[in-house]
């Protein structure tokens, strides 16, 4: 019979969730790891080579996630392939989802965030037909092509750099007047003449019939618009937190990300939040691992109280 009660429940299949489950199991408590579709990885699965991860060779997101999942199984972590819709309770938590309900003394929410879509006419209609959110998946389709990347953060520049392995030219359109990405990415873009930059601008329409043929770009400073021909548009315009499972009373910032204390506990005692779902998360994979480790160790101590 499947287990329905755990010392610690970890929700979310990304690297933060896998790490939290790992360190909770190392502490000797029972761990239930809830992954909506039973497959680990989260957004990092879209990354073919991880930057800044301490390893002797190239390592992809899928490879890292699979390795952690295997080690967690060896440690006795119970993988529960079910989404969780709500968390309720005080001293003991009840986790509810379409596949049943479970109990846990402590809960670590590592549900991450989802890529925001582009709110412009044509973007939804042409998604999968030239509009993409994964250069590692689709970049090979744009050999010697002209493509556009929307966004100015780490994700946008990382994907743009990967696209440079295939495309003839890459235009980066960002609403800001400077990038919000790590210095190494900015330097690589600045030194490569194939990158064209549009500051303080945004894409207001995606053009094309059966596929992307161009985008309409508005210069917000000048108030002018221009049609830019391209065959691909890659959208990385920010994240939306996957925090709907938490009670409405749990503290959130103005963008909906979960507020925690320095030990990553939310305003609901016994419920922790780590990684991209959390307000103040720095966006680095190593930071997600550090947060998950701290939360797991803290939650494990609480199980003995």
Foldseek 3Di string as FASTA:
>chain_A
DDAFEWAEEEEAQAPLSLLLLLLLLVLPTAYEYEYQQLQHHPPQQLFQFAPPDDDPDTDGRNRVSVVSVVSSVVSPHHYDNRHWQAWDDAQKIWTDGPVGIHIYRFYEYAHAWDFDFDPAAPRVVAEVQFEAAGCSVCLQVAAQWEEEEEAAEASRLVSVVSSVVGYQAYEYEYLAQHHHYDPVSVVVLVVDPRYHYQYNKDFHHFDDDRFTQWTWMANVVVRDIDTDGGGHYHYRHDTQAPPSRYDPPWDADPRRAGEADPLQHIPRPRYGYADNSHPPQPPHPVRSSVSSNSNSVVSSVVSVD
